[in-house]
N, C-alpha and C. Protein backbone atom coordinates (compact mmCIF):
# COMPACT_ATOMS: atom_id res chain seq x y z
N ASN A 1 -5.84 -71.58 -32.89
CA ASN A 1 -6.82 -71.74 -33.94
C ASN A 1 -6.22 -71.14 -35.20
N GLU A 2 -6.12 -71.95 -36.21
CA GLU A 2 -5.44 -71.57 -37.45
C GLU A 2 -6.38 -70.82 -38.39
N ARG A 3 -6.29 -69.52 -38.38
CA ARG A 3 -7.08 -68.68 -39.26
C ARG A 3 -6.46 -67.30 -39.31
N PHE A 4 -6.95 -66.49 -40.24
CA PHE A 4 -6.52 -65.10 -40.29
C PHE A 4 -7.09 -64.36 -39.10
N HIS A 5 -6.33 -63.39 -38.60
CA HIS A 5 -6.78 -62.50 -37.53
C HIS A 5 -6.56 -61.07 -37.98
N PHE A 6 -7.43 -60.18 -37.53
CA PHE A 6 -7.18 -58.77 -37.75
C PHE A 6 -6.05 -58.35 -36.82
N VAL A 7 -5.15 -57.54 -37.33
CA VAL A 7 -4.04 -57.05 -36.52
C VAL A 7 -4.60 -56.23 -35.36
N ASP A 8 -5.61 -55.41 -35.62
CA ASP A 8 -6.25 -54.58 -34.61
C ASP A 8 -7.34 -55.39 -33.90
N PRO A 9 -7.24 -55.59 -32.60
CA PRO A 9 -8.25 -56.39 -31.90
C PRO A 9 -9.64 -55.78 -31.93
N VAL A 10 -9.75 -54.46 -32.10
CA VAL A 10 -11.06 -53.83 -32.24
C VAL A 10 -11.70 -54.27 -33.55
N ALA A 11 -10.93 -54.32 -34.63
CA ALA A 11 -11.44 -54.81 -35.91
C ALA A 11 -11.85 -56.27 -35.80
N GLU A 12 -11.10 -57.06 -35.06
CA GLU A 12 -11.43 -58.48 -34.85
C GLU A 12 -12.77 -58.60 -34.12
N GLY A 13 -12.93 -57.85 -33.04
CA GLY A 13 -14.19 -57.89 -32.28
C GLY A 13 -15.37 -57.37 -33.07
N THR A 14 -15.16 -56.33 -33.85
CA THR A 14 -16.23 -55.77 -34.68
C THR A 14 -16.68 -56.78 -35.73
N THR A 15 -15.73 -57.45 -36.35
CA THR A 15 -16.06 -58.44 -37.37
C THR A 15 -16.79 -59.63 -36.75
N LEU A 16 -16.35 -60.07 -35.58
CA LEU A 16 -17.04 -61.16 -34.89
C LEU A 16 -18.47 -60.75 -34.52
N ALA A 17 -18.67 -59.50 -34.10
CA ALA A 17 -20.02 -59.01 -33.79
C ALA A 17 -20.88 -58.98 -35.05
N LEU A 18 -20.30 -58.57 -36.17
CA LEU A 18 -21.04 -58.56 -37.43
C LEU A 18 -21.43 -59.98 -37.84
N GLU A 19 -20.52 -60.93 -37.67
CA GLU A 19 -20.83 -62.33 -37.96
C GLU A 19 -21.95 -62.83 -37.04
N ARG A 20 -21.86 -62.52 -35.76
CA ARG A 20 -22.87 -62.94 -34.79
C ARG A 20 -24.25 -62.37 -35.15
N ASP A 21 -24.28 -61.08 -35.45
CA ASP A 21 -25.56 -60.41 -35.68
C ASP A 21 -26.13 -60.64 -37.07
N SER A 22 -25.33 -61.23 -37.96
CA SER A 22 -25.84 -61.53 -39.29
C SER A 22 -26.36 -62.96 -39.37
N TRP A 23 -26.55 -63.59 -38.20
CA TRP A 23 -27.05 -64.95 -38.14
C TRP A 23 -28.32 -65.05 -38.97
N GLY A 24 -28.40 -66.08 -39.80
CA GLY A 24 -29.57 -66.27 -40.65
C GLY A 24 -29.39 -65.68 -42.05
N HIS A 25 -28.32 -64.93 -42.24
CA HIS A 25 -28.00 -64.36 -43.55
C HIS A 25 -26.77 -65.08 -44.09
N SER A 26 -26.76 -65.33 -45.37
CA SER A 26 -25.55 -65.89 -45.97
C SER A 26 -24.47 -64.81 -45.98
N LEU A 27 -23.22 -65.23 -46.16
CA LEU A 27 -22.13 -64.26 -46.25
C LEU A 27 -22.38 -63.29 -47.39
N ALA A 28 -22.86 -63.79 -48.52
CA ALA A 28 -23.14 -62.92 -49.67
C ALA A 28 -24.24 -61.92 -49.32
N ASP A 29 -25.33 -62.37 -48.69
CA ASP A 29 -26.42 -61.46 -48.33
C ASP A 29 -25.96 -60.41 -47.32
N ALA A 30 -25.18 -60.84 -46.34
CA ALA A 30 -24.68 -59.91 -45.33
C ALA A 30 -23.73 -58.89 -45.97
N SER A 31 -22.89 -59.34 -46.89
CA SER A 31 -21.96 -58.43 -47.58
C SER A 31 -22.73 -57.40 -48.39
N TRP A 32 -23.74 -57.85 -49.12
CA TRP A 32 -24.55 -56.90 -49.90
C TRP A 32 -25.29 -55.94 -48.99
N ALA A 33 -25.79 -56.42 -47.86
CA ALA A 33 -26.49 -55.54 -46.93
C ALA A 33 -25.58 -54.43 -46.44
N VAL A 34 -24.32 -54.76 -46.12
CA VAL A 34 -23.36 -53.72 -45.71
C VAL A 34 -23.12 -52.76 -46.86
N ASP A 35 -22.87 -53.30 -48.05
CA ASP A 35 -22.58 -52.47 -49.22
C ASP A 35 -23.74 -51.54 -49.57
N GLU A 36 -24.96 -52.01 -49.38
CA GLU A 36 -26.15 -51.23 -49.74
C GLU A 36 -26.63 -50.32 -48.61
N GLY A 37 -25.92 -50.29 -47.49
CA GLY A 37 -26.29 -49.40 -46.40
C GLY A 37 -27.46 -49.91 -45.57
N ARG A 38 -27.69 -51.22 -45.57
CA ARG A 38 -28.81 -51.80 -44.83
C ARG A 38 -28.40 -52.36 -43.47
N VAL A 39 -27.18 -52.08 -43.05
CA VAL A 39 -26.71 -52.53 -41.74
C VAL A 39 -26.40 -51.29 -40.91
N GLN A 40 -26.93 -51.28 -39.70
CA GLN A 40 -26.69 -50.15 -38.81
C GLN A 40 -25.99 -50.62 -37.54
N GLN A 41 -25.17 -49.71 -37.03
CA GLN A 41 -24.48 -49.91 -35.76
C GLN A 41 -24.73 -48.65 -34.96
N ALA A 42 -25.31 -48.78 -33.79
CA ALA A 42 -25.62 -47.64 -32.92
C ALA A 42 -26.44 -46.59 -33.67
N GLY A 43 -27.40 -47.04 -34.48
CA GLY A 43 -28.29 -46.12 -35.18
C GLY A 43 -27.70 -45.46 -36.41
N GLN A 44 -26.48 -45.79 -36.76
CA GLN A 44 -25.82 -45.21 -37.93
C GLN A 44 -25.53 -46.29 -38.95
N VAL A 45 -25.55 -45.90 -40.22
CA VAL A 45 -25.20 -46.85 -41.27
C VAL A 45 -23.77 -47.31 -41.05
N PHE A 46 -23.58 -48.62 -41.05
CA PHE A 46 -22.24 -49.19 -40.88
C PHE A 46 -21.51 -49.16 -42.21
N VAL A 47 -20.33 -48.61 -42.21
CA VAL A 47 -19.49 -48.55 -43.41
C VAL A 47 -18.27 -49.43 -43.15
N TRP A 48 -18.07 -50.40 -44.04
CA TRP A 48 -16.92 -51.30 -43.90
C TRP A 48 -15.65 -50.60 -44.34
N HIS A 49 -14.64 -50.67 -43.49
CA HIS A 49 -13.30 -50.18 -43.83
C HIS A 49 -12.36 -51.37 -43.66
N GLY A 50 -11.77 -51.78 -44.74
CA GLY A 50 -10.86 -52.92 -44.68
C GLY A 50 -9.72 -52.68 -43.70
N GLN A 51 -9.31 -53.72 -43.05
CA GLN A 51 -8.23 -53.66 -42.07
C GLN A 51 -7.23 -54.76 -42.38
N PRO A 52 -5.96 -54.53 -42.05
CA PRO A 52 -4.96 -55.58 -42.29
C PRO A 52 -5.24 -56.83 -41.47
N GLN A 53 -5.03 -57.97 -42.10
CA GLN A 53 -5.15 -59.25 -41.43
C GLN A 53 -3.81 -59.98 -41.51
N PHE A 54 -3.68 -60.96 -40.63
CA PHE A 54 -2.42 -61.66 -40.51
C PHE A 54 -2.72 -63.14 -40.29
N PHE A 55 -1.98 -64.00 -40.96
CA PHE A 55 -2.08 -65.44 -40.72
C PHE A 55 -0.80 -65.88 -40.03
N PRO A 56 -0.87 -66.12 -38.72
CA PRO A 56 0.34 -66.48 -37.99
C PRO A 56 0.81 -67.89 -38.35
N MET A 57 2.06 -67.98 -38.75
CA MET A 57 2.60 -69.28 -39.16
C MET A 57 3.63 -69.83 -38.18
N SER A 58 4.00 -69.06 -37.20
CA SER A 58 4.95 -69.56 -36.19
C SER A 58 4.31 -69.41 -34.81
N ASP A 59 4.82 -70.15 -33.85
CA ASP A 59 4.29 -70.03 -32.48
C ASP A 59 4.46 -68.62 -31.95
N ARG A 60 5.56 -68.00 -32.28
CA ARG A 60 5.82 -66.63 -31.82
C ARG A 60 4.73 -65.69 -32.31
N CYS A 61 4.37 -65.82 -33.59
CA CYS A 61 3.30 -64.97 -34.14
C CYS A 61 1.93 -65.37 -33.58
N ARG A 62 1.69 -66.67 -33.43
CA ARG A 62 0.40 -67.11 -32.88
C ARG A 62 0.20 -66.56 -31.47
N ASN A 63 1.28 -66.46 -30.72
CA ASN A 63 1.18 -65.98 -29.34
C ASN A 63 0.70 -64.53 -29.26
N VAL A 64 0.96 -63.76 -30.30
CA VAL A 64 0.45 -62.37 -30.33
C VAL A 64 -1.07 -62.40 -30.26
N PHE A 65 -1.69 -63.31 -31.02
CA PHE A 65 -3.15 -63.37 -31.08
C PHE A 65 -3.75 -64.21 -29.95
N ARG A 66 -2.91 -64.88 -29.20
CA ARG A 66 -3.37 -65.63 -28.03
C ARG A 66 -3.22 -64.81 -26.75
N ALA A 67 -2.58 -63.68 -26.85
CA ALA A 67 -2.27 -62.86 -25.67
C ALA A 67 -3.55 -62.38 -24.97
N HIS A 68 -3.49 -62.31 -23.65
CA HIS A 68 -4.62 -61.86 -22.84
C HIS A 68 -5.10 -60.47 -23.28
N ASP A 69 -4.18 -59.54 -23.49
CA ASP A 69 -4.59 -58.17 -23.84
C ASP A 69 -5.33 -58.13 -25.17
N TYR A 70 -4.87 -58.90 -26.15
CA TYR A 70 -5.55 -58.95 -27.45
C TYR A 70 -6.98 -59.48 -27.26
N HIS A 71 -7.13 -60.59 -26.54
CA HIS A 71 -8.45 -61.19 -26.34
C HIS A 71 -9.35 -60.34 -25.47
N ARG A 72 -8.78 -59.61 -24.53
CA ARG A 72 -9.59 -58.72 -23.68
C ARG A 72 -10.26 -57.65 -24.55
N VAL A 73 -9.50 -57.04 -25.44
CA VAL A 73 -10.04 -56.00 -26.32
C VAL A 73 -11.06 -56.60 -27.29
N VAL A 74 -10.78 -57.78 -27.83
CA VAL A 74 -11.73 -58.46 -28.72
C VAL A 74 -13.04 -58.69 -27.98
N ARG A 75 -12.98 -59.24 -26.77
CA ARG A 75 -14.20 -59.53 -25.99
C ARG A 75 -14.96 -58.26 -25.65
N GLN A 76 -14.24 -57.20 -25.25
CA GLN A 76 -14.91 -55.94 -24.92
C GLN A 76 -15.63 -55.37 -26.14
N THR A 77 -14.96 -55.40 -27.29
CA THR A 77 -15.55 -54.88 -28.52
C THR A 77 -16.74 -55.72 -28.94
N LEU A 78 -16.61 -57.03 -28.86
CA LEU A 78 -17.69 -57.94 -29.22
C LEU A 78 -18.92 -57.69 -28.34
N GLY A 79 -18.70 -57.50 -27.06
CA GLY A 79 -19.82 -57.26 -26.14
C GLY A 79 -20.49 -55.91 -26.33
N ALA A 80 -19.74 -54.92 -26.77
CA ALA A 80 -20.26 -53.56 -26.89
C ALA A 80 -20.77 -53.22 -28.29
N THR A 81 -20.56 -54.11 -29.25
CA THR A 81 -20.88 -53.81 -30.65
C THR A 81 -22.06 -54.65 -31.10
N HIS A 82 -23.08 -53.98 -31.62
CA HIS A 82 -24.29 -54.66 -32.08
C HIS A 82 -24.72 -54.06 -33.41
N PHE A 83 -25.16 -54.95 -34.30
CA PHE A 83 -25.59 -54.54 -35.63
C PHE A 83 -27.05 -54.93 -35.83
N SER A 84 -27.74 -54.14 -36.66
CA SER A 84 -29.10 -54.50 -37.07
C SER A 84 -29.15 -54.46 -38.59
N PHE A 85 -29.88 -55.41 -39.14
CA PHE A 85 -30.04 -55.53 -40.58
C PHE A 85 -31.43 -55.05 -40.97
N HIS A 86 -31.52 -54.31 -42.07
CA HIS A 86 -32.78 -53.75 -42.53
C HIS A 86 -33.04 -54.16 -43.97
N SER A 87 -34.31 -54.19 -44.34
CA SER A 87 -34.66 -54.62 -45.69
C SER A 87 -34.40 -53.55 -46.74
N ALA A 88 -34.30 -52.31 -46.31
CA ALA A 88 -34.03 -51.22 -47.27
C ALA A 88 -33.04 -50.26 -46.64
N PRO A 89 -32.21 -49.59 -47.46
CA PRO A 89 -31.29 -48.61 -46.89
C PRO A 89 -32.06 -47.40 -46.38
N PRO A 90 -31.48 -46.66 -45.44
CA PRO A 90 -32.16 -45.46 -44.95
C PRO A 90 -32.30 -44.44 -46.07
N PRO A 91 -33.28 -43.53 -45.97
CA PRO A 91 -33.46 -42.50 -47.00
C PRO A 91 -32.18 -41.70 -47.20
N ASN A 92 -31.93 -41.33 -48.44
CA ASN A 92 -30.77 -40.50 -48.80
C ASN A 92 -29.43 -41.17 -48.52
N ARG A 93 -29.41 -42.49 -48.44
CA ARG A 93 -28.15 -43.20 -48.16
C ARG A 93 -27.09 -42.84 -49.18
N PHE A 94 -27.48 -42.74 -50.45
CA PHE A 94 -26.50 -42.48 -51.50
C PHE A 94 -26.58 -41.05 -52.03
N ALA A 95 -27.26 -40.16 -51.32
CA ALA A 95 -27.38 -38.78 -51.77
C ALA A 95 -26.01 -38.13 -51.86
N GLY A 96 -25.72 -37.54 -52.99
CA GLY A 96 -24.45 -36.85 -53.17
C GLY A 96 -23.27 -37.78 -53.37
N GLU A 97 -23.52 -39.05 -53.44
CA GLU A 97 -22.46 -40.05 -53.57
C GLU A 97 -22.52 -40.62 -54.98
N ARG A 98 -21.40 -40.73 -55.62
CA ARG A 98 -21.37 -41.39 -56.94
C ARG A 98 -21.32 -42.87 -56.68
N SER A 99 -22.36 -43.55 -57.10
CA SER A 99 -22.44 -44.98 -56.85
C SER A 99 -21.65 -45.76 -57.88
N SER A 100 -20.91 -46.73 -57.42
CA SER A 100 -20.18 -47.61 -58.32
C SER A 100 -21.14 -48.55 -59.04
N ARG A 101 -22.39 -48.56 -58.59
CA ARG A 101 -23.37 -49.44 -59.19
C ARG A 101 -23.97 -48.87 -60.47
N SER A 102 -23.77 -47.57 -60.72
CA SER A 102 -24.38 -46.99 -61.92
C SER A 102 -23.70 -47.54 -63.16
N GLU A 103 -24.51 -47.74 -64.18
CA GLU A 103 -23.99 -48.33 -65.40
C GLU A 103 -23.23 -47.28 -66.19
N ALA A 104 -22.13 -47.69 -66.75
CA ALA A 104 -21.34 -46.79 -67.60
C ALA A 104 -22.01 -46.71 -68.97
N THR A 105 -21.94 -45.55 -69.53
CA THR A 105 -22.48 -45.36 -70.87
C THR A 105 -21.48 -45.90 -71.87
N PRO A 106 -21.95 -46.84 -72.73
CA PRO A 106 -21.01 -47.38 -73.71
C PRO A 106 -20.52 -46.28 -74.64
N GLY A 107 -19.27 -46.32 -74.98
CA GLY A 107 -18.77 -45.25 -75.79
C GLY A 107 -18.02 -45.66 -76.95
C-alpha cells in the first residue's frame, strides 16, 4: 500500500486508533480537538508529538513496513489504544501554559 508510514510502529498504531476514534469528525475538526485538549486517551489529555514518517519507494524499503513484527506492534497498539472526543477541554488545560493562540500586541 503506497503511503507514508510512521517509522515507529507504535506511532503508526496510535495514529490509526486516532483516525478510527475520530469517526464522524473531519480531519480539521479532529486536529483542532487535539490542539485544544479535547481528546483524551486513558483519561488523560492526548498531546500530539510528531514522529518521523517514511515513504518507501523501493521493494526493500516497503518490506520493512510489510514485516510481521511491524504489523504485530501496529495491531497491538491499535487494539489497546482508544480516544474520546469532548466538546470542551478539561478545566485548567492551559493553566500555566503560554498559549500560541493569544494575540500579539501590535507594536
